[in-house]
């Protein structure tokens, strides 16, 4: 269990720093682009998707490592999940979609709860970022 708790903390820190860097890079890139506001927003949305995808990948790798190499639980009854199942479970957990077709058991259940909360916070952060970008371009259009 201590390894799962340490993994939770490590993944929260890693995904938060990653998200900060993605949004920071997007801010600088959007300022340099000489495109219309609508096109910049498409770039911003795609950039957020890439960032969230990388964060889901980190959590998926965390599940896979904790289960396949450390024996700290299972996904859907399978003792050793493939990386694809771990990524799928991570994506549905991060987004709080929760189909329920893949269910964790054992200590990795803690990581699933932490990922859902972390995903909610990071998705909210992206929503706030996109709102501020939209507001910036609408103000320029109104001038």
Protein backbone atom coordinates (compact mmCIF):
# COMPACT_ATOMS: atom_id res chain seq x y z
CA UNK A 1 0.00 0.00 0.00
CA UNK A 2 2.81 2.53 0.67
CA UNK A 3 3.93 2.13 -2.95
CA UNK A 4 0.40 2.95 -4.17
CA UNK A 5 0.23 6.05 -1.95
CA UNK A 6 3.66 7.18 -3.16
CA UNK A 7 2.51 6.59 -6.76
CA UNK A 8 -0.58 8.74 -6.14
CA UNK A 9 1.53 11.63 -4.88
CA UNK A 10 4.07 11.27 -7.68
CA UNK A 11 1.37 11.19 -10.36
CA UNK A 12 -0.45 14.22 -8.92
CA UNK A 13 2.78 16.21 -8.93
CA UNK A 14 3.85 14.99 -12.39
CA UNK A 15 0.49 15.65 -14.06
CA UNK A 16 0.12 19.06 -12.41
CA UNK A 17 3.58 20.15 -13.57
CA UNK A 18 2.93 18.71 -17.03
CA UNK A 19 -0.39 20.54 -17.28
CA UNK A 20 1.21 23.80 -16.17
CA UNK A 21 3.89 23.44 -18.85
CA UNK A 22 1.38 22.60 -21.59
CA UNK A 23 -0.81 25.61 -20.75
CA UNK A 24 2.23 27.85 -20.39
CA UNK A 25 3.53 26.74 -23.79
CA UNK A 26 0.09 27.21 -25.35
CA UNK A 27 -0.14 30.74 -23.95
CA UNK A 28 3.19 31.71 -25.52
CA UNK A 29 2.42 29.95 -28.81
CA UNK A 30 -1.01 31.55 -29.17
CA UNK A 31 0.46 35.02 -28.59
CA UNK A 32 2.94 34.48 -31.44
CA UNK A 33 0.39 33.10 -33.92
CA UNK A 34 -0.95 35.64 -36.38
CA UNK A 35 -4.15 33.67 -36.99
CA UNK A 36 -7.78 34.63 -36.43
CA UNK A 37 -9.16 34.02 -32.93
CA UNK A 38 -11.23 31.00 -34.02
CA UNK A 39 -8.17 29.22 -35.39
CA UNK A 40 -6.23 29.99 -32.22
CA UNK A 41 -8.99 28.44 -30.14
CA UNK A 42 -8.82 25.26 -32.20
CA UNK A 43 -5.07 25.14 -31.49
CA UNK A 44 -5.77 25.74 -27.79
CA UNK A 45 -8.34 22.92 -27.63
CA UNK A 46 -6.05 20.51 -29.48
CA UNK A 47 -3.18 21.46 -27.19
CA UNK A 48 -5.33 20.74 -24.14
CA UNK A 49 -6.28 17.37 -25.63
CA UNK A 50 -2.62 16.50 -26.12
CA UNK A 51 -1.84 17.50 -22.54
CA UNK A 52 -4.71 15.45 -21.13
CA UNK A 53 -3.72 12.52 -23.31
CA UNK A 54 -0.19 12.59 -21.93
CA UNK A 55 -1.56 12.74 -18.38
CA UNK A 56 -3.84 9.76 -19.05
CA UNK A 57 -0.80 7.95 -20.43
CA UNK A 58 1.11 8.59 -17.19
CA UNK A 59 -1.72 7.22 -15.07
CA UNK A 60 -2.16 4.24 -17.42
CA UNK A 61 1.53 3.43 -17.11
CA UNK A 62 1.17 3.77 -13.34
CA UNK A 63 -1.67 1.21 -13.24
CA UNK A 64 0.23 -1.14 -15.48
CA UNK A 65 3.43 -0.92 -13.43
CA UNK A 66 1.65 -1.29 -10.09
CA UNK A 67 -0.34 -4.32 -11.24
CA UNK A 68 1.97 -6.11 -13.67
CA UNK A 69 5.27 -5.62 -11.88
CA UNK A 70 4.40 -4.96 -8.22
CA UNK A 71 1.25 -7.09 -7.86
CA UNK A 72 -0.82 -4.34 -6.22
CA UNK A 73 -4.24 -5.33 -7.55
CA UNK A 74 -5.96 -6.11 -10.82
CA UNK A 75 -8.12 -4.57 -13.50
CA UNK A 76 -11.30 -6.43 -14.35
CA UNK A 77 -10.19 -9.67 -12.75
CA UNK A 78 -7.07 -9.97 -14.89
CA UNK A 79 -3.98 -10.37 -12.71
CA UNK A 80 -1.66 -8.91 -15.36
CA UNK A 81 -3.43 -6.38 -17.59
CA UNK A 82 -2.01 -5.31 -20.91
CA UNK A 83 -1.00 -1.69 -21.31
CA UNK A 84 -4.02 -1.06 -23.57
CA UNK A 85 -6.47 -2.05 -20.84
CA UNK A 86 -4.63 0.12 -18.34
CA UNK A 87 -4.78 3.10 -20.72
CA UNK A 88 -8.47 2.53 -21.42
CA UNK A 89 -9.24 2.33 -17.70
CA UNK A 90 -7.14 5.44 -17.10
CA UNK A 91 -9.03 7.42 -19.77
CA UNK A 92 -12.44 6.50 -18.41
CA UNK A 93 -11.32 7.21 -14.84
CA UNK A 94 -9.54 10.52 -15.61
CA UNK A 95 -12.64 11.84 -17.36
CA UNK A 96 -14.96 10.41 -14.66
CA UNK A 97 -16.82 8.56 -17.41
CA UNK A 98 -16.76 5.27 -15.51
CA UNK A 99 -18.38 2.74 -17.85
CA UNK A 100 -17.73 0.04 -15.27
CA UNK A 101 -16.62 -2.59 -17.76
CA UNK A 102 -13.11 -2.55 -16.29
CA UNK A 103 -13.06 -2.46 -12.49
CA UNK A 104 -9.98 -2.22 -10.28
CA UNK A 105 -9.47 -4.48 -7.31
CA UNK A 106 -6.90 -4.35 -4.56
CA UNK A 107 -4.77 -1.38 -3.58
CA UNK A 108 -4.87 0.26 -7.04
CA UNK A 109 -8.45 1.28 -6.25
CA UNK A 110 -6.93 4.19 -4.31
CA UNK A 111 -5.10 5.33 -7.44
CA UNK A 112 -8.39 5.23 -9.38
CA UNK A 113 -10.04 7.58 -6.90
CA UNK A 114 -7.09 9.93 -6.92
CA UNK A 115 -6.98 9.94 -10.72
CA UNK A 116 -10.67 10.84 -10.96
CA UNK A 117 -10.20 13.81 -8.63
CA UNK A 118 -6.97 14.88 -10.34
CA UNK A 119 -8.59 14.60 -13.78
CA UNK A 120 -11.54 16.69 -12.63
CA UNK A 121 -9.20 19.42 -11.40
CA UNK A 122 -7.03 19.40 -14.52
CA UNK A 123 -10.03 19.38 -16.88
CA UNK A 124 -11.44 22.33 -14.93
CA UNK A 125 -8.10 24.10 -15.27
CA UNK A 126 -8.24 23.58 -19.05
CA UNK A 127 -11.81 24.86 -19.17
CA UNK A 128 -10.75 27.99 -17.30
CA UNK A 129 -7.79 28.47 -19.64
CA UNK A 130 -10.01 28.11 -22.72
CA UNK A 131 -12.56 30.53 -21.30
CA UNK A 132 -9.85 33.15 -20.74
CA UNK A 133 -8.51 32.65 -24.26
CA UNK A 134 -12.01 33.00 -25.74
CA UNK A 135 -12.61 36.14 -23.71
CA UNK A 136 -9.33 37.62 -24.97
CA UNK A 137 -10.24 37.05 -28.63
CA UNK A 138 -13.81 38.29 -28.21
CA UNK A 139 -12.57 41.51 -26.63
CA UNK A 140 -10.20 42.08 -29.55
CA UNK A 141 -13.02 41.42 -32.03
CA UNK A 142 -15.29 43.94 -30.30
CA UNK A 143 -12.73 46.75 -30.54
